[in-house]
PDB file of N, CA and C in Angstrom:
ATOM      1  N   GLY A   1      62.576  19.460 -53.387  1.00  0.00           N
ATOM      2  CA  GLY A   1      62.569  18.102 -53.318  1.00  0.00           C
ATOM      3  C   GLY A   1      63.897  17.390 -52.899  1.00  0.00           C
ATOM      4  N   HIS A   2      63.980  16.115 -52.865  1.00  0.00           N
ATOM      5  CA  HIS A   2      65.206  15.459 -52.548  1.00  0.00           C
ATOM      6  C   HIS A   2      65.593  14.484 -53.496  1.00  0.00           C
ATOM      7  N   ALA A   3      66.833  14.161 -53.502  1.00  0.00           N
ATOM      8  CA  ALA A   3      67.335  13.208 -54.508  1.00  0.00           C
ATOM      9  C   ALA A   3      66.760  11.785 -54.189  1.00  0.00           C
ATOM     10  N   THR A   4      66.647  11.115 -55.209  1.00  0.00           N
ATOM     11  CA  THR A   4      66.031   9.641 -55.141  1.00  0.00           C
ATOM     12  C   THR A   4      67.185   8.682 -55.666  1.00  0.00           C
ATOM     13  N   LEU A   5      67.445   7.706 -54.878  1.00  0.00           N
ATOM     14  CA  LEU A   5      68.531   6.750 -55.188  1.00  0.00           C
ATOM     15  C   LEU A   5      67.792   5.806 -56.311  1.00  0.00           C
ATOM     16  N   ARG A   6      68.490   5.769 -57.433  1.00  0.00           N
ATOM     17  CA  ARG A   6      67.880   4.944 -58.545  1.00  0.00           C
ATOM     18  C   ARG A   6      68.721   3.703 -58.916  1.00  0.00           C
ATOM     19  N   ARG A   7      70.082   4.038 -58.746  1.00  0.00           N
ATOM     20  CA  ARG A   7      71.056   2.877 -59.029  1.00  0.00           C
ATOM     21  C   ARG A   7      72.067   2.768 -57.967  1.00  0.00           C
ATOM     22  N   LEU A   8      72.333   1.535 -57.546  1.00  0.00           N
ATOM     23  CA  LEU A   8      73.261   1.226 -56.555  1.00  0.00           C
ATOM     24  C   LEU A   8      74.250   0.066 -56.872  1.00  0.00           C
ATOM     25  N   ASP A   9      75.529   0.226 -56.751  1.00  0.00           N
ATOM     26  CA  ASP A   9      76.559  -0.759 -57.091  1.00  0.00           C
ATOM     27  C   ASP A   9      77.156  -1.133 -55.773  1.00  0.00           C
ATOM     28  N   LEU A  10      76.805  -2.363 -55.154  1.00  0.00           N
ATOM     29  CA  LEU A  10      77.440  -2.908 -54.015  1.00  0.00           C
ATOM     30  C   LEU A  10      78.299  -4.116 -54.355  1.00  0.00           C
ATOM     31  N   SER A  11      78.813  -4.130 -55.603  1.00  0.00           N
ATOM     32  CA  SER A  11      79.658  -5.260 -56.082  1.00  0.00           C
ATOM     33  C   SER A  11      80.898  -5.307 -55.288  1.00  0.00           C
ATOM     34  N   GLU A  12      81.476  -6.374 -55.002  1.00  0.00           N
ATOM     35  CA  GLU A  12      82.660  -6.728 -54.286  1.00  0.00           C
ATOM     36  C   GLU A  12      82.749  -5.946 -53.008  1.00  0.00           C
ATOM     37  N   THR A  13      81.732  -5.924 -52.212  1.00  0.00           N
ATOM     38  CA  THR A  13      81.792  -5.082 -50.851  1.00  0.00           C
ATOM     39  C   THR A  13      81.892  -6.133 -49.716  1.00  0.00           C
ATOM     40  N   ARG A  14      81.968  -7.376 -49.906  1.00  0.00           N
ATOM     41  CA  ARG A  14      82.026  -8.537 -48.918  1.00  0.00           C
ATOM     42  C   ARG A  14      80.754  -8.505 -48.058  1.00  0.00           C
ATOM     43  N   MET A  15      79.705  -8.173 -48.830  1.00  0.00           N
ATOM     44  CA  MET A  15      78.360  -8.267 -48.062  1.00  0.00           C
ATOM     45  C   MET A  15      77.949  -9.625 -47.826  1.00  0.00           C
ATOM     46  N   GLY A  16      77.333  -9.941 -46.724  1.00  0.00           N
ATOM     47  CA  GLY A  16      76.804 -11.127 -46.336  1.00  0.00           C
ATOM     48  C   GLY A  16      75.288 -11.210 -46.343  1.00  0.00           C
ATOM     49  N   ALA A  17      74.764 -12.212 -45.830  1.00  0.00           N
ATOM     50  CA  ALA A  17      73.257 -12.341 -45.815  1.00  0.00           C
ATOM     51  C   ALA A  17      72.659 -11.101 -45.040  1.00  0.00           C
ATOM     52  N   ALA A  18      73.247 -10.809 -43.876  1.00  0.00           N
ATOM     53  CA  ALA A  18      72.669  -9.732 -43.141  1.00  0.00           C
ATOM     54  C   ALA A  18      72.566  -8.495 -43.965  1.00  0.00           C
ATOM     55  N   GLY A  19      73.711  -8.139 -44.719  1.00  0.00           N
ATOM     56  CA  GLY A  19      73.543  -6.866 -45.566  1.00  0.00           C
ATOM     57  C   GLY A  19      72.598  -6.996 -46.611  1.00  0.00           C
ATOM     58  N   ALA A  20      72.409  -8.186 -47.355  1.00  0.00           N
ATOM     59  CA  ALA A  20      71.440  -8.463 -48.278  1.00  0.00           C
ATOM     60  C   ALA A  20      69.939  -8.286 -47.695  1.00  0.00           C
ATOM     61  N   SER A  21      69.860  -8.623 -46.499  1.00  0.00           N
ATOM     62  CA  SER A  21      68.489  -8.532 -45.890  1.00  0.00           C
ATOM     63  C   SER A  21      68.180  -7.004 -45.549  1.00  0.00           C
ATOM     64  N   ALA A  22      69.225  -6.226 -45.127  1.00  0.00           N
ATOM     65  CA  ALA A  22      69.073  -4.845 -44.967  1.00  0.00           C
ATOM     66  C   ALA A  22      68.715  -3.989 -46.290  1.00  0.00           C
ATOM     67  N   VAL A  23      69.405  -4.383 -47.263  1.00  0.00           N
ATOM     68  CA  VAL A  23      69.144  -3.835 -48.619  1.00  0.00           C
ATOM     69  C   VAL A  23      67.787  -4.060 -49.082  1.00  0.00           C
ATOM     70  N   ALA A  24      67.388  -5.364 -48.920  1.00  0.00           N
ATOM     71  CA  ALA A  24      66.041  -5.819 -49.291  1.00  0.00           C
ATOM     72  C   ALA A  24      64.974  -5.162 -48.632  1.00  0.00           C
ATOM     73  N   LYS A  25      65.168  -4.990 -47.300  1.00  0.00           N
ATOM     74  CA  LYS A  25      64.133  -4.254 -46.600  1.00  0.00           C
ATOM     75  C   LYS A  25      64.068  -2.810 -46.786  1.00  0.00           C
ATOM     76  N   ARG A  26      65.124  -2.097 -46.816  1.00  0.00           N
ATOM     77  CA  ARG A  26      65.272  -0.657 -46.972  1.00  0.00           C
ATOM     78  C   ARG A  26      65.142  -0.082 -48.331  1.00  0.00           C
ATOM     79  N   LEU A  27      65.740  -0.791 -49.305  1.00  0.00           N
ATOM     80  CA  LEU A  27      65.747  -0.324 -50.703  1.00  0.00           C
ATOM     81  C   LEU A  27      64.811  -1.007 -51.735  1.00  0.00           C
ATOM     82  N   LEU A  28      64.319  -2.187 -51.361  1.00  0.00           N
ATOM     83  CA  LEU A  28      63.474  -2.917 -52.265  1.00  0.00           C
ATOM     84  C   LEU A  28      62.116  -3.156 -51.692  1.00  0.00           C
ATOM     85  N   GLY A  29      61.986  -3.497 -50.511  1.00  0.00           N
ATOM     86  CA  GLY A  29      60.666  -3.804 -49.877  1.00  0.00           C
ATOM     87  C   GLY A  29      59.943  -2.670 -49.326  1.00  0.00           C
ATOM     88  N   ALA A  30      60.591  -1.596 -49.191  1.00  0.00           N
ATOM     89  CA  ALA A  30      59.954  -0.382 -48.658  1.00  0.00           C
ATOM     90  C   ALA A  30      58.896   0.255 -49.460  1.00  0.00           C
ATOM     91  N   ALA A  31      57.762   0.822 -48.882  1.00  0.00           N
ATOM     92  CA  ALA A  31      56.746   1.323 -49.601  1.00  0.00           C
ATOM     93  C   ALA A  31      57.211   2.397 -50.553  1.00  0.00           C
ATOM     94  N   ASN A  32      58.325   3.228 -50.199  1.00  0.00           N
ATOM     95  CA  ASN A  32      58.700   4.186 -51.010  1.00  0.00           C
ATOM     96  C   ASN A  32      59.987   3.792 -51.995  1.00  0.00           C
ATOM     97  N   ALA A  33      59.986   2.620 -52.172  1.00  0.00           N
ATOM     98  CA  ALA A  33      61.317   2.049 -52.881  1.00  0.00           C
ATOM     99  C   ALA A  33      61.208   2.665 -54.431  1.00  0.00           C
ATOM    100  N   ARG A  34      62.350   3.145 -54.825  1.00  0.00           N
ATOM    101  CA  ARG A  34      62.485   3.712 -56.133  1.00  0.00           C
ATOM    102  C   ARG A  34      63.666   3.155 -56.961  1.00  0.00           C
ATOM    103  N   LEU A  35      64.418   2.287 -56.273  1.00  0.00           N
ATOM    104  CA  LEU A  35      65.603   1.684 -56.846  1.00  0.00           C
ATOM    105  C   LEU A  35      65.318   0.975 -58.156  1.00  0.00           C
ATOM    106  N   GLN A  36      66.000   1.266 -59.302  1.00  0.00           N
ATOM    107  CA  GLN A  36      65.799   0.624 -60.565  1.00  0.00           C
ATOM    108  C   GLN A  36      66.858  -0.275 -60.913  1.00  0.00           C
ATOM    109  N   ALA A  37      68.129  -0.110 -60.446  1.00  0.00           N
ATOM    110  CA  ALA A  37      69.118  -1.094 -60.787  1.00  0.00           C
ATOM    111  C   ALA A  37      70.022  -1.240 -59.562  1.00  0.00           C
ATOM    112  N   LEU A  38      70.300  -2.697 -59.262  1.00  0.00           N
ATOM    113  CA  LEU A  38      71.029  -3.063 -58.115  1.00  0.00           C
ATOM    114  C   LEU A  38      72.176  -4.012 -58.582  1.00  0.00           C
ATOM    115  N   GLN A  39      73.332  -3.656 -58.339  1.00  0.00           N
ATOM    116  CA  GLN A  39      74.569  -4.540 -58.647  1.00  0.00           C
ATOM    117  C   GLN A  39      75.046  -5.155 -57.305  1.00  0.00           C
ATOM    118  N   LEU A  40      75.092  -6.554 -57.218  1.00  0.00           N
ATOM    119  CA  LEU A  40      75.536  -7.239 -56.036  1.00  0.00           C
ATOM    120  C   LEU A  40      76.661  -8.206 -56.319  1.00  0.00           C
ATOM    121  N   SER A  41      77.051  -8.228 -57.548  1.00  0.00           N
ATOM    122  CA  SER A  41      78.079  -9.288 -57.942  1.00  0.00           C
ATOM    123  C   SER A  41      79.264  -9.358 -57.153  1.00  0.00           C
ATOM    124  N   ARG A  42      79.708 -10.553 -57.014  1.00  0.00           N
ATOM    125  CA  ARG A  42      81.049 -10.923 -56.418  1.00  0.00           C
ATOM    126  C   ARG A  42      80.947 -10.513 -54.974  1.00  0.00           C
ATOM    127  N   ASN A  43      79.923 -10.902 -54.455  1.00  0.00           N
ATOM    128  CA  ASN A  43      79.714 -10.871 -52.863  1.00  0.00           C
ATOM    129  C   ASN A  43      79.531 -12.393 -52.484  1.00  0.00           C
ATOM    130  N   GLY A  44      80.600 -13.132 -52.507  1.00  0.00           N
ATOM    131  CA  GLY A  44      80.332 -14.642 -52.232  1.00  0.00           C
ATOM    132  C   GLY A  44      79.737 -15.123 -50.990  1.00  0.00           C
ATOM    133  N   ALA A  45      79.709 -14.180 -49.977  1.00  0.00           N
ATOM    134  CA  ALA A  45      79.156 -14.613 -48.647  1.00  0.00           C
ATOM    135  C   ALA A  45      77.625 -14.294 -48.581  1.00  0.00           C
ATOM    136  N   LEU A  46      77.081 -13.778 -49.599  1.00  0.00           N
ATOM    137  CA  LEU A  46      75.518 -13.688 -49.668  1.00  0.00           C
ATOM    138  C   LEU A  46      74.814 -15.102 -49.431  1.00  0.00           C
ATOM    139  N   GLY A  47      75.270 -16.051 -50.152  1.00  0.00           N
ATOM    140  CA  GLY A  47      74.746 -17.329 -49.938  1.00  0.00           C
ATOM    141  C   GLY A  47      73.340 -17.433 -50.167  1.00  0.00           C
ATOM    142  N   ASP A  48      72.533 -18.676 -49.832  1.00  0.00           N
ATOM    143  CA  ASP A  48      71.167 -18.803 -49.927  1.00  0.00           C
ATOM    144  C   ASP A  48      70.326 -17.876 -49.021  1.00  0.00           C
ATOM    145  N   ALA A  49      70.946 -17.561 -47.889  1.00  0.00           N
ATOM    146  CA  ALA A  49      70.125 -16.806 -46.943  1.00  0.00           C
ATOM    147  C   ALA A  49      69.939 -15.432 -47.493  1.00  0.00           C
ATOM    148  N   GLY A  50      70.995 -14.903 -48.023  1.00  0.00           N
ATOM    149  CA  GLY A  50      70.968 -13.603 -48.663  1.00  0.00           C
ATOM    150  C   GLY A  50      69.970 -13.564 -49.881  1.00  0.00           C
ATOM    151  N   ALA A  51      70.173 -14.616 -50.733  1.00  0.00           N
ATOM    152  CA  ALA A  51      69.232 -14.849 -51.861  1.00  0.00           C
ATOM    153  C   ALA A  51      67.781 -14.835 -51.588  1.00  0.00           C
ATOM    154  N   LYS A  52      67.555 -15.514 -50.452  1.00  0.00           N
ATOM    155  CA  LYS A  52      66.180 -15.631 -50.050  1.00  0.00           C
ATOM    156  C   LYS A  52      65.494 -14.308 -49.527  1.00  0.00           C
ATOM    157  N   ALA A  53      66.463 -13.499 -48.838  1.00  0.00           N
ATOM    158  CA  ALA A  53      65.982 -12.106 -48.415  1.00  0.00           C
ATOM    159  C   ALA A  53      65.736 -11.290 -49.540  1.00  0.00           C
ATOM    160  N   LEU A  54      66.586 -11.281 -50.464  1.00  0.00           N
ATOM    161  CA  LEU A  54      66.450 -10.523 -51.758  1.00  0.00           C
ATOM    162  C   LEU A  54      65.206 -11.004 -52.479  1.00  0.00           C
ATOM    163  N   ALA A  55      64.979 -12.215 -52.499  1.00  0.00           N
ATOM    164  CA  ALA A  55      63.907 -12.844 -53.223  1.00  0.00           C
ATOM    165  C   ALA A  55      62.445 -12.371 -52.755  1.00  0.00           C
ATOM    166  N   GLU A  56      62.357 -12.319 -51.436  1.00  0.00           N
ATOM    167  CA  GLU A  56      61.187 -11.804 -50.695  1.00  0.00           C
ATOM    168  C   GLU A  56      60.826 -10.445 -51.110  1.00  0.00           C
ATOM    169  N   ALA A  57      61.771  -9.597 -51.065  1.00  0.00           N
ATOM    170  CA  ALA A  57      61.580  -8.093 -51.461  1.00  0.00           C
ATOM    171  C   ALA A  57      61.374  -8.091 -52.895  1.00  0.00           C
ATOM    172  N   LEU A  58      62.030  -8.791 -53.685  1.00  0.00           N
ATOM    173  CA  LEU A  58      61.879  -8.696 -55.163  1.00  0.00           C
ATOM    174  C   LEU A  58      60.529  -9.079 -55.683  1.00  0.00           C
ATOM    175  N   ALA A  59      59.916  -9.973 -55.009  1.00  0.00           N
ATOM    176  CA  ALA A  59      58.491 -10.541 -55.367  1.00  0.00           C
ATOM    177  C   ALA A  59      57.580  -9.450 -55.295  1.00  0.00           C
ATOM    178  N   ALA A  60      57.731  -8.575 -54.391  1.00  0.00           N
ATOM    179  CA  ALA A  60      56.738  -7.497 -54.194  1.00  0.00           C
ATOM    180  C   ALA A  60      57.144  -6.164 -54.769  1.00  0.00           C
ATOM    181  N   ASP A  61      58.361  -5.961 -55.141  1.00  0.00           N
ATOM    182  CA  ASP A  61      58.891  -4.735 -55.767  1.00  0.00           C
ATOM    183  C   ASP A  61      58.454  -4.532 -57.108  1.00  0.00           C
ATOM    184  N   GLY A  62      57.928  -3.441 -57.459  1.00  0.00           N
ATOM    185  CA  GLY A  62      57.557  -3.233 -58.813  1.00  0.00           C
ATOM    186  C   GLY A  62      58.339  -2.105 -59.548  1.00  0.00           C
ATOM    187  N   VAL A  63      59.433  -1.708 -59.023  1.00  0.00           N
ATOM    188  CA  VAL A  63      60.301  -0.729 -59.679  1.00  0.00           C
ATOM    189  C   VAL A  63      61.674  -1.235 -60.213  1.00  0.00           C
ATOM    190  N   LEU A  64      62.313  -2.210 -59.367  1.00  0.00           N
ATOM    191  CA  LEU A  64      63.606  -2.703 -59.975  1.00  0.00           C
ATOM    192  C   LEU A  64      63.497  -3.356 -61.344  1.00  0.00           C
ATOM    193  N   ALA A  65      64.356  -2.855 -62.194  1.00  0.00           N
ATOM    194  CA  ALA A  65      64.303  -3.338 -63.581  1.00  0.00           C
ATOM    195  C   ALA A  65      65.695  -4.127 -63.904  1.00  0.00           C
ATOM    196  N   GLU A  66      66.610  -3.953 -63.121  1.00  0.00           N
ATOM    197  CA  GLU A  66      67.948  -4.567 -63.325  1.00  0.00           C
ATOM    198  C   GLU A  66      68.606  -5.159 -62.191  1.00  0.00           C
ATOM    199  N   LEU A  67      69.004  -6.412 -62.200  1.00  0.00           N
ATOM    200  CA  LEU A  67      69.685  -6.985 -60.903  1.00  0.00           C
ATOM    201  C   LEU A  67      70.868  -7.780 -61.478  1.00  0.00           C
ATOM    202  N   ALA A  68      72.063  -7.529 -60.866  1.00  0.00           N
ATOM    203  CA  ALA A  68      73.228  -8.316 -61.229  1.00  0.00           C
ATOM    204  C   ALA A  68      73.669  -9.029 -59.972  1.00  0.00           C
ATOM    205  N   ALA A  69      73.634 -10.271 -59.931  1.00  0.00           N
ATOM    206  CA  ALA A  69      74.081 -11.056 -58.704  1.00  0.00           C
ATOM    207  C   ALA A  69      74.957 -12.269 -59.169  1.00  0.00           C
ATOM    208  N   VAL A  70      76.003 -12.052 -59.833  1.00  0.00           N
ATOM    209  CA  VAL A  70      76.863 -13.180 -60.263  1.00  0.00           C
ATOM    210  C   VAL A  70      78.090 -13.342 -59.201  1.00  0.00           C
ATOM    211  N   GLY A  71      78.338 -14.582 -58.981  1.00  0.00           N
ATOM    212  CA  GLY A  71      79.357 -14.865 -57.970  1.00  0.00           C
ATOM    213  C   GLY A  71      78.882 -14.552 -56.442  1.00  0.00           C
ATOM    214  N   CYS A  72      77.754 -14.858 -56.160  1.00  0.00           N
ATOM    215  CA  CYS A  72      77.333 -14.454 -54.805  1.00  0.00           C
ATOM    216  C   CYS A  72      77.117 -15.633 -53.909  1.00  0.00           C
ATOM    217  N   GLY A  73      77.591 -16.830 -54.325  1.00  0.00           N
ATOM    218  CA  GLY A  73      77.598 -18.023 -53.489  1.00  0.00           C
ATOM    219  C   GLY A  73      76.148 -18.664 -53.292  1.00  0.00           C
ATOM    220  N   PHE A  74      75.298 -18.381 -54.219  1.00  0.00           N
ATOM    221  CA  PHE A  74      73.996 -19.035 -54.136  1.00  0.00           C
ATOM    222  C   PHE A  74      74.030 -20.438 -54.469  1.00  0.00           C
ATOM    223  N   GLY A  75      73.347 -21.235 -53.697  1.00  0.00           N
ATOM    224  CA  GLY A  75      73.209 -22.726 -54.093  1.00  0.00           C
ATOM    225  C   GLY A  75      71.942 -22.951 -54.744  1.00  0.00           C
ATOM    226  N   PRO A  76      71.592 -24.111 -54.835  1.00  0.00           N
ATOM    227  CA  PRO A  76      70.286 -24.366 -55.658  1.00  0.00           C
ATOM    228  C   PRO A  76      68.992 -23.862 -54.902  1.00  0.00           C
ATOM    229  N   ASP A  77      68.931 -23.695 -53.616  1.00  0.00           N
ATOM    230  CA  ASP A  77      67.848 -23.141 -52.896  1.00  0.00           C
ATOM    231  C   ASP A  77      67.763 -21.620 -53.064  1.00  0.00           C
ATOM    232  N   GLY A  78      68.850 -21.026 -53.004  1.00  0.00           N
ATOM    233  CA  GLY A  78      68.921 -19.572 -53.163  1.00  0.00           C
ATOM    234  C   GLY A  78      68.534 -19.253 -54.728  1.00  0.00           C
ATOM    235  N   ALA A  79      69.128 -19.941 -55.532  1.00  0.00           N
ATOM    236  CA  ALA A  79      68.904 -19.670 -57.012  1.00  0.00           C
ATOM    237  C   ALA A  79      67.402 -19.841 -57.304  1.00  0.00           C
ATOM    238  N   ALA A  80      66.733 -20.923 -56.803  1.00  0.00           N
ATOM    239  CA  ALA A  80      65.434 -21.184 -57.025  1.00  0.00           C
ATOM    240  C   ALA A  80      64.516 -19.994 -56.524  1.00  0.00           C
ATOM    241  N   ALA A  81      64.855 -19.519 -55.264  1.00  0.00           N
ATOM    242  CA  ALA A  81      64.074 -18.459 -54.723  1.00  0.00           C
ATOM    243  C   ALA A  81      64.132 -17.258 -55.487  1.00  0.00           C
ATOM    244  N   LEU A  82      65.390 -16.890 -55.965  1.00  0.00           N
ATOM    245  CA  LEU A  82      65.598 -15.727 -56.732  1.00  0.00           C
ATOM    246  C   LEU A  82      64.758 -15.901 -58.083  1.00  0.00           C
ATOM    247  N   GLY A  83      65.026 -17.108 -58.705  1.00  0.00           N
ATOM    248  CA  GLY A  83      64.322 -17.278 -59.999  1.00  0.00           C
ATOM    249  C   GLY A  83      62.699 -17.028 -59.969  1.00  0.00           C
ATOM    250  N   ALA A  84      62.123 -17.641 -58.878  1.00  0.00           N
ATOM    251  CA  ALA A  84      60.715 -17.294 -58.632  1.00  0.00           C
ATOM    252  C   ALA A  84      60.388 -15.892 -58.363  1.00  0.00           C
ATOM    253  N   ALA A  85      61.201 -15.269 -57.624  1.00  0.00           N
ATOM    254  CA  ALA A  85      60.984 -13.794 -57.472  1.00  0.00           C
ATOM    255  C   ALA A  85      61.070 -13.021 -58.794  1.00  0.00           C
ATOM    256  N   VAL A  86      62.095 -13.349 -59.725  1.00  0.00           N
ATOM    257  CA  VAL A  86      62.182 -12.574 -60.869  1.00  0.00           C
ATOM    258  C   VAL A  86      60.973 -12.876 -61.781  1.00  0.00           C
ATOM    259  N   GLU A  87      60.490 -14.091 -61.679  1.00  0.00           N
ATOM    260  CA  GLU A  87      59.233 -14.392 -62.492  1.00  0.00           C
ATOM    261  C   GLU A  87      58.058 -13.690 -61.929  1.00  0.00           C
ATOM    262  N   ALA A  88      57.951 -13.509 -60.660  1.00  0.00           N
ATOM    263  CA  ALA A  88      56.876 -12.814 -60.149  1.00  0.00           C
ATOM    264  C   ALA A  88      56.852 -11.246 -60.302  1.00  0.00           C
ATOM    265  N   ASN A  89      58.070 -10.787 -60.552  1.00  0.00           N
ATOM    266  CA  ASN A  89      58.495  -9.249 -60.670  1.00  0.00           C
ATOM    267  C   ASN A  89      58.197  -8.946 -62.165  1.00  0.00           C
ATOM    268  N   ALA A  90      57.138  -8.096 -62.546  1.00  0.00           N
ATOM    269  CA  ALA A  90      56.903  -7.803 -63.987  1.00  0.00           C
ATOM    270  C   ALA A  90      58.000  -6.932 -64.579  1.00  0.00           C
ATOM    271  N   ARG A  91      58.809  -6.228 -63.753  1.00  0.00           N
ATOM    272  CA  ARG A  91      59.582  -5.251 -64.383  1.00  0.00           C
ATOM    273  C   ARG A  91      61.023  -6.046 -64.645  1.00  0.00           C
ATOM    274  N   LEU A  92      61.336  -7.163 -63.981  1.00  0.00           N
ATOM    275  CA  LEU A  92      62.687  -7.789 -64.203  1.00  0.00           C
ATOM    276  C   LEU A  92      62.530  -8.795 -65.437  1.00  0.00           C
ATOM    277  N   PRO A  93      63.484  -8.677 -66.310  1.00  0.00           N
ATOM    278  CA  PRO A  93      63.308  -9.450 -67.616  1.00  0.00           C
ATOM    279  C   PRO A  93      63.643 -10.944 -67.325  1.00  0.00           C
TER     280      PRO A  93
END
């Protein structure tokens, strides 16, 4: 067999919205997604666009149980999108 990525810490990596979109598509939204914990804190350039990309994937992801995204530059729109996705995702508290 092969190793499965379960936890990923991308805190303080200067990730922007494009990086968030790539993470969302490859690690959360993919049919074979197995990521259980994602740390994105202190990536101030994520902004609303990054939050919305993550939100789309989170709403459909049934595996992720832990998400840290403090200090990511989300405004009201990004926060609302993430909040709705967390509510739709049964695994996230």
